[in-house]
């Protein structure tokens, strides 16, 4: 039901909304010099960090070498687009340390792969 919360477009839209709110409050503060707009700016920035930190954290924790190592394991597959989608799902949901320590034969990871493959096989991704 809430699958849209994990989508990139939801996060991008959320970022745009935060930027609009911050710019609006900066404009109002410059016009009126009221302290309430400073509080709004601080609260909006704080909420943006709280809401978007996990999203960025999962992408930032992977170095280019680590991503290349994961991508190279998938180059033997025939469907490169599906492979890229699966890699993106892994980058989004796991940090490198979590992925490295993860039990690849565990039921949770297998269920994640099944769901990711289902999502990637959907026509809307392509």
N, C-alpha and C. Protein backbone atom coordinates (compact mmCIF):
# COMPACT_ATOMS: atom_id res chain seq x y z
N UNK A 1 0.82 -1.19 0.00
CA UNK A 1 0.00 0.00 0.00
C UNK A 1 0.87 1.26 0.00
N UNK A 2 1.96 1.23 0.74
CA UNK A 2 2.82 2.40 0.82
C UNK A 2 4.12 2.19 0.06
N UNK A 3 4.06 1.48 -1.06
CA UNK A 3 5.26 1.22 -1.85
C UNK A 3 5.85 2.49 -2.43
N UNK A 4 5.04 3.51 -2.62
CA UNK A 4 5.52 4.75 -3.21
C UNK A 4 6.56 5.43 -2.31
N UNK A 5 6.57 5.12 -1.01
CA UNK A 5 7.52 5.75 -0.10
C UNK A 5 8.96 5.37 -0.42
N UNK A 6 9.17 4.24 -1.07
CA UNK A 6 10.52 3.79 -1.41
C UNK A 6 10.96 4.25 -2.79
N UNK A 7 10.10 4.89 -3.53
CA UNK A 7 10.45 5.25 -4.90
C UNK A 7 11.33 6.50 -4.92
N UNK A 8 12.16 6.59 -5.96
CA UNK A 8 13.03 7.75 -6.12
C UNK A 8 12.21 9.01 -6.38
N UNK A 9 11.12 8.87 -7.12
CA UNK A 9 10.31 10.05 -7.44
C UNK A 9 9.67 10.64 -6.20
N UNK A 10 9.30 9.82 -5.25
CA UNK A 10 8.75 10.34 -4.00
C UNK A 10 9.80 11.17 -3.28
N UNK A 11 11.02 10.68 -3.22
CA UNK A 11 12.09 11.41 -2.54
C UNK A 11 12.45 12.70 -3.27
N UNK A 12 12.47 12.66 -4.58
CA UNK A 12 12.76 13.86 -5.36
C UNK A 12 11.66 14.90 -5.15
N UNK A 13 10.41 14.46 -5.16
CA UNK A 13 9.29 15.38 -4.92
C UNK A 13 9.37 15.97 -3.53
N UNK A 14 9.73 15.16 -2.56
CA UNK A 14 9.87 15.63 -1.19
C UNK A 14 10.97 16.69 -1.09
N UNK A 15 12.08 16.49 -1.78
CA UNK A 15 13.15 17.48 -1.80
C UNK A 15 12.68 18.80 -2.40
N UNK A 16 11.94 18.72 -3.49
CA UNK A 16 11.45 19.93 -4.14
C UNK A 16 10.50 20.68 -3.22
N UNK A 17 9.64 19.96 -2.53
CA UNK A 17 8.71 20.61 -1.60
C UNK A 17 9.47 21.29 -0.47
N UNK A 18 10.48 20.61 0.07
CA UNK A 18 11.29 21.22 1.13
C UNK A 18 11.96 22.49 0.63
N UNK A 19 12.52 22.46 -0.57
CA UNK A 19 13.18 23.64 -1.12
C UNK A 19 12.20 24.79 -1.32
N UNK A 20 11.01 24.49 -1.81
CA UNK A 20 9.99 25.53 -2.00
C UNK A 20 9.61 26.15 -0.66
N UNK A 21 9.40 25.30 0.35
CA UNK A 21 9.04 25.82 1.67
C UNK A 21 10.15 26.68 2.27
N UNK A 22 11.38 26.25 2.12
CA UNK A 22 12.50 27.03 2.65
C UNK A 22 12.62 28.36 1.91
N UNK A 23 12.53 28.34 0.59
CA UNK A 23 12.63 29.58 -0.18
C UNK A 23 11.49 30.54 0.15
N UNK A 24 10.30 30.01 0.34
CA UNK A 24 9.16 30.85 0.71
C UNK A 24 9.41 31.52 2.06
N UNK A 25 9.90 30.74 3.03
CA UNK A 25 10.15 31.30 4.36
C UNK A 25 11.31 32.30 4.34
N UNK A 26 12.32 32.06 3.52
CA UNK A 26 13.42 33.02 3.41
C UNK A 26 12.91 34.33 2.82
N UNK A 27 12.07 34.23 1.80
CA UNK A 27 11.50 35.44 1.19
C UNK A 27 10.66 36.22 2.20
N UNK A 28 9.82 35.49 2.94
CA UNK A 28 8.97 36.15 3.94
C UNK A 28 9.81 36.77 5.06
N UNK A 29 10.88 36.07 5.46
CA UNK A 29 11.74 36.61 6.51
C UNK A 29 12.42 37.89 6.04
N UNK A 30 12.89 37.90 4.80
CA UNK A 30 13.54 39.10 4.27
C UNK A 30 12.58 40.28 4.21
N UNK A 31 11.30 40.01 3.94
CA UNK A 31 10.32 41.08 3.85
C UNK A 31 9.90 41.59 5.23
N UNK A 32 9.71 40.68 6.18
CA UNK A 32 9.12 41.07 7.47
C UNK A 32 10.08 41.07 8.64
N UNK A 33 11.18 40.34 8.55
CA UNK A 33 12.16 40.18 9.63
C UNK A 33 11.54 39.58 10.89
N UNK A 34 10.49 38.79 10.73
CA UNK A 34 9.85 38.12 11.87
C UNK A 34 10.62 36.84 12.20
N UNK A 35 10.77 36.58 13.50
CA UNK A 35 11.53 35.43 13.96
C UNK A 35 10.83 34.10 13.65
N UNK A 36 9.52 34.14 13.50
CA UNK A 36 8.79 32.89 13.23
C UNK A 36 9.23 32.25 11.92
N UNK A 37 9.65 33.06 10.96
CA UNK A 37 10.11 32.49 9.69
C UNK A 37 11.46 31.81 9.84
N UNK A 38 12.31 32.34 10.72
CA UNK A 38 13.58 31.65 11.01
C UNK A 38 13.32 30.29 11.63
N UNK A 39 12.36 30.23 12.54
CA UNK A 39 12.00 28.96 13.16
C UNK A 39 11.47 27.98 12.11
N UNK A 40 10.65 28.47 11.20
CA UNK A 40 10.13 27.62 10.12
C UNK A 40 11.27 27.07 9.26
N UNK A 41 12.24 27.92 8.95
CA UNK A 41 13.37 27.49 8.13
C UNK A 41 14.16 26.40 8.84
N UNK A 42 14.44 26.60 10.12
CA UNK A 42 15.20 25.62 10.90
C UNK A 42 14.43 24.31 11.00
N UNK A 43 13.14 24.39 11.28
CA UNK A 43 12.33 23.17 11.40
C UNK A 43 12.24 22.42 10.07
N UNK A 44 12.10 23.15 8.97
CA UNK A 44 12.01 22.52 7.66
C UNK A 44 13.33 21.83 7.29
N UNK A 45 14.44 22.50 7.55
CA UNK A 45 15.74 21.88 7.28
C UNK A 45 15.93 20.64 8.16
N UNK A 46 15.57 20.74 9.43
CA UNK A 46 15.68 19.60 10.34
C UNK A 46 14.82 18.43 9.90
N UNK A 47 13.59 18.70 9.50
CA UNK A 47 12.71 17.63 9.04
C UNK A 47 13.22 17.03 7.73
N UNK A 48 13.76 17.86 6.84
CA UNK A 48 14.30 17.35 5.58
C UNK A 48 15.46 16.40 5.84
N UNK A 49 16.33 16.78 6.75
CA UNK A 49 17.46 15.90 7.09
C UNK A 49 16.94 14.60 7.68
N UNK A 50 15.98 14.67 8.58
CA UNK A 50 15.44 13.47 9.22
C UNK A 50 14.76 12.56 8.20
N UNK A 51 14.03 13.14 7.25
CA UNK A 51 13.27 12.34 6.29
C UNK A 51 14.14 11.77 5.18
N UNK A 52 15.16 12.51 4.76
CA UNK A 52 15.93 12.11 3.59
C UNK A 52 17.26 11.45 3.93
N UNK A 53 17.68 11.49 5.19
CA UNK A 53 18.97 10.91 5.58
C UNK A 53 19.09 9.43 5.22
N UNK A 54 18.11 8.58 5.53
CA UNK A 54 18.27 7.15 5.17
C UNK A 54 18.41 6.93 3.66
N UNK A 55 17.72 7.74 2.88
CA UNK A 55 17.78 7.62 1.43
C UNK A 55 19.19 7.90 0.92
N UNK A 56 19.77 9.02 1.35
CA UNK A 56 21.11 9.37 0.91
C UNK A 56 22.17 8.48 1.53
N UNK A 57 21.95 8.08 2.77
CA UNK A 57 22.92 7.25 3.48
C UNK A 57 23.15 5.94 2.75
N UNK A 58 22.10 5.35 2.20
CA UNK A 58 22.26 4.07 1.51
C UNK A 58 23.07 4.22 0.23
N UNK A 59 22.94 5.36 -0.46
CA UNK A 59 23.70 5.56 -1.69
C UNK A 59 25.15 5.99 -1.41
N UNK A 60 25.34 6.82 -0.40
CA UNK A 60 26.66 7.38 -0.13
C UNK A 60 27.61 6.34 0.44
N UNK A 61 27.12 5.39 1.18
CA UNK A 61 27.99 4.40 1.84
C UNK A 61 28.67 3.46 0.85
N UNK A 62 28.21 3.38 -0.36
CA UNK A 62 28.82 2.51 -1.37
C UNK A 62 29.88 3.30 -2.13
N UNK A 63 31.12 2.84 -2.13
CA UNK A 63 32.16 3.49 -2.94
C UNK A 63 32.06 2.97 -4.38
N UNK A 64 32.75 3.64 -5.28
CA UNK A 64 32.68 3.25 -6.69
C UNK A 64 33.25 1.84 -6.91
N UNK A 65 34.29 1.51 -6.17
CA UNK A 65 34.89 0.17 -6.32
C UNK A 65 33.92 -0.90 -5.84
N UNK A 66 33.24 -0.63 -4.75
CA UNK A 66 32.27 -1.60 -4.22
C UNK A 66 31.11 -1.80 -5.19
N UNK A 67 30.66 -0.69 -5.78
CA UNK A 67 29.58 -0.80 -6.77
C UNK A 67 30.04 -1.59 -8.00
N UNK A 68 31.26 -1.33 -8.44
CA UNK A 68 31.79 -2.04 -9.60
C UNK A 68 31.90 -3.53 -9.33
N UNK A 69 32.29 -3.89 -8.10
CA UNK A 69 32.41 -5.31 -7.75
C UNK A 69 31.05 -5.99 -7.82
N UNK A 70 30.01 -5.31 -7.34
CA UNK A 70 28.67 -5.88 -7.40
C UNK A 70 28.17 -5.92 -8.84
N UNK A 71 28.44 -4.87 -9.59
CA UNK A 71 27.98 -4.82 -10.98
C UNK A 71 28.67 -5.87 -11.84
N UNK A 72 29.93 -6.15 -11.54
CA UNK A 72 30.65 -7.13 -12.37
C UNK A 72 30.11 -8.54 -12.18
N UNK A 73 29.48 -8.82 -11.05
CA UNK A 73 28.91 -10.15 -10.85
C UNK A 73 27.67 -10.35 -11.70
N UNK A 74 27.10 -9.27 -12.17
CA UNK A 74 25.85 -9.35 -12.90
C UNK A 74 26.06 -9.22 -14.42
N UNK A 75 27.26 -8.98 -14.87
CA UNK A 75 27.50 -8.76 -16.30
C UNK A 75 27.30 -10.02 -17.13
N UNK A 76 27.33 -11.17 -16.50
CA UNK A 76 27.14 -12.41 -17.26
C UNK A 76 25.67 -12.66 -17.58
N UNK A 77 24.78 -11.92 -16.93
CA UNK A 77 23.35 -12.08 -17.17
C UNK A 77 23.00 -11.59 -18.58
N UNK A 78 21.96 -12.15 -19.14
CA UNK A 78 21.53 -11.76 -20.48
C UNK A 78 20.74 -10.45 -20.46
N UNK A 79 20.01 -10.19 -19.37
CA UNK A 79 19.16 -9.02 -19.29
C UNK A 79 19.87 -7.93 -18.47
N UNK A 80 20.57 -7.03 -19.14
CA UNK A 80 21.34 -6.00 -18.45
C UNK A 80 20.44 -4.99 -17.74
N UNK A 81 19.28 -4.70 -18.29
CA UNK A 81 18.37 -3.74 -17.67
C UNK A 81 17.84 -4.28 -16.36
N UNK A 82 17.45 -5.53 -16.34
CA UNK A 82 16.99 -6.15 -15.11
C UNK A 82 18.12 -6.18 -14.08
N UNK A 83 19.31 -6.47 -14.54
CA UNK A 83 20.48 -6.52 -13.66
C UNK A 83 20.73 -5.15 -13.02
N UNK A 84 20.66 -4.10 -13.82
CA UNK A 84 20.86 -2.74 -13.31
C UNK A 84 19.79 -2.38 -12.28
N UNK A 85 18.57 -2.75 -12.54
CA UNK A 85 17.48 -2.47 -11.61
C UNK A 85 17.69 -3.20 -10.29
N UNK A 86 18.12 -4.45 -10.36
CA UNK A 86 18.38 -5.23 -9.15
C UNK A 86 19.52 -4.61 -8.34
N UNK A 87 20.58 -4.16 -9.04
CA UNK A 87 21.69 -3.51 -8.35
C UNK A 87 21.23 -2.24 -7.67
N UNK A 88 20.41 -1.44 -8.35
CA UNK A 88 19.89 -0.22 -7.74
C UNK A 88 19.07 -0.52 -6.49
N UNK A 89 18.29 -1.58 -6.52
CA UNK A 89 17.50 -1.96 -5.35
C UNK A 89 18.42 -2.33 -4.19
N UNK A 90 19.50 -3.02 -4.47
CA UNK A 90 20.45 -3.38 -3.41
C UNK A 90 21.12 -2.13 -2.87
N UNK A 91 21.54 -1.21 -3.76
CA UNK A 91 22.19 0.03 -3.31
C UNK A 91 21.26 0.85 -2.43
N UNK A 92 19.98 0.85 -2.77
CA UNK A 92 19.00 1.63 -2.03
C UNK A 92 18.70 1.05 -0.65
N UNK A 93 18.65 -0.25 -0.55
CA UNK A 93 18.17 -0.88 0.68
C UNK A 93 19.26 -1.30 1.65
N UNK A 94 20.48 -1.39 1.19
CA UNK A 94 21.56 -1.85 2.06
C UNK A 94 22.78 -0.94 1.93
N UNK A 95 23.45 -0.68 3.05
CA UNK A 95 24.76 -0.07 2.98
C UNK A 95 25.74 -1.18 2.62
N UNK A 96 26.95 -0.80 2.26
CA UNK A 96 27.93 -1.82 1.86
C UNK A 96 28.23 -2.79 3.00
N UNK A 97 28.40 -2.25 4.21
CA UNK A 97 28.70 -3.11 5.36
C UNK A 97 27.56 -4.07 5.65
N UNK A 98 26.32 -3.57 5.56
CA UNK A 98 25.16 -4.45 5.78
C UNK A 98 25.12 -5.55 4.72
N UNK A 99 25.38 -5.17 3.48
CA UNK A 99 25.34 -6.15 2.38
C UNK A 99 26.44 -7.18 2.53
N UNK A 100 27.63 -6.72 2.93
CA UNK A 100 28.77 -7.62 3.09
C UNK A 100 28.51 -8.64 4.20
N UNK A 101 27.87 -8.21 5.29
CA UNK A 101 27.61 -9.09 6.43
C UNK A 101 26.30 -9.86 6.32
N UNK A 102 25.57 -9.62 5.26
CA UNK A 102 24.26 -10.23 5.08
C UNK A 102 24.37 -11.70 4.71
N UNK A 103 23.47 -12.49 5.25
CA UNK A 103 23.41 -13.91 4.88
C UNK A 103 22.69 -14.00 3.54
N UNK A 104 23.44 -14.24 2.49
CA UNK A 104 22.87 -14.25 1.13
C UNK A 104 21.93 -15.43 0.91
N UNK A 105 22.01 -16.44 1.77
CA UNK A 105 21.12 -17.58 1.66
C UNK A 105 19.94 -17.49 2.62
N UNK A 106 19.87 -16.38 3.38
CA UNK A 106 18.80 -16.22 4.35
C UNK A 106 17.46 -15.96 3.68
N UNK A 107 16.41 -16.27 4.40
CA UNK A 107 15.06 -16.11 3.83
C UNK A 107 14.71 -14.65 3.61
N UNK A 108 15.19 -13.75 4.48
CA UNK A 108 14.89 -12.33 4.30
C UNK A 108 15.49 -11.79 3.01
N UNK A 109 16.75 -12.14 2.75
CA UNK A 109 17.41 -11.66 1.54
C UNK A 109 16.78 -12.27 0.29
N UNK A 110 16.44 -13.54 0.37
CA UNK A 110 15.80 -14.19 -0.78
C UNK A 110 14.44 -13.56 -1.08
N UNK A 111 13.71 -13.21 -0.02
CA UNK A 111 12.42 -12.54 -0.21
C UNK A 111 12.63 -11.15 -0.81
N UNK A 112 13.67 -10.44 -0.33
CA UNK A 112 13.99 -9.14 -0.89
C UNK A 112 14.31 -9.25 -2.38
N UNK A 113 15.13 -10.24 -2.75
CA UNK A 113 15.47 -10.43 -4.17
C UNK A 113 14.25 -10.77 -5.01
N UNK A 114 13.37 -11.58 -4.45
CA UNK A 114 12.15 -11.94 -5.17
C UNK A 114 11.28 -10.71 -5.41
N UNK A 115 11.11 -9.89 -4.35
CA UNK A 115 10.31 -8.67 -4.49
C UNK A 115 10.97 -7.69 -5.46
N UNK A 116 12.28 -7.55 -5.37
CA UNK A 116 12.99 -6.63 -6.25
C UNK A 116 12.89 -7.08 -7.71
N UNK A 117 13.01 -8.38 -7.93
CA UNK A 117 12.92 -8.89 -9.31
C UNK A 117 11.51 -8.69 -9.86
N UNK A 118 10.51 -8.88 -8.99
CA UNK A 118 9.12 -8.64 -9.39
C UNK A 118 8.93 -7.18 -9.77
N UNK A 119 9.47 -6.30 -8.93
CA UNK A 119 9.35 -4.87 -9.17
C UNK A 119 10.09 -4.47 -10.44
N UNK A 120 11.27 -5.04 -10.63
CA UNK A 120 12.07 -4.70 -11.81
C UNK A 120 11.48 -5.27 -13.10
N UNK A 121 10.77 -6.37 -12.99
CA UNK A 121 10.16 -6.97 -14.18
C UNK A 121 8.91 -6.22 -14.62
N UNK A 122 8.41 -5.35 -13.77
CA UNK A 122 7.25 -4.54 -14.09
C UNK A 122 7.59 -3.62 -15.26
N UNK A 123 6.69 -3.47 -16.19
CA UNK A 123 6.93 -2.66 -17.39
C UNK A 123 7.21 -1.20 -17.07
N UNK A 124 6.68 -0.68 -15.97
CA UNK A 124 6.83 0.75 -15.67
C UNK A 124 8.27 1.12 -15.36
N UNK A 125 9.10 0.17 -14.94
CA UNK A 125 10.47 0.50 -14.62
C UNK A 125 11.26 0.86 -15.87
N UNK A 126 10.96 0.18 -16.96
CA UNK A 126 11.72 0.40 -18.19
C UNK A 126 11.17 1.62 -18.88
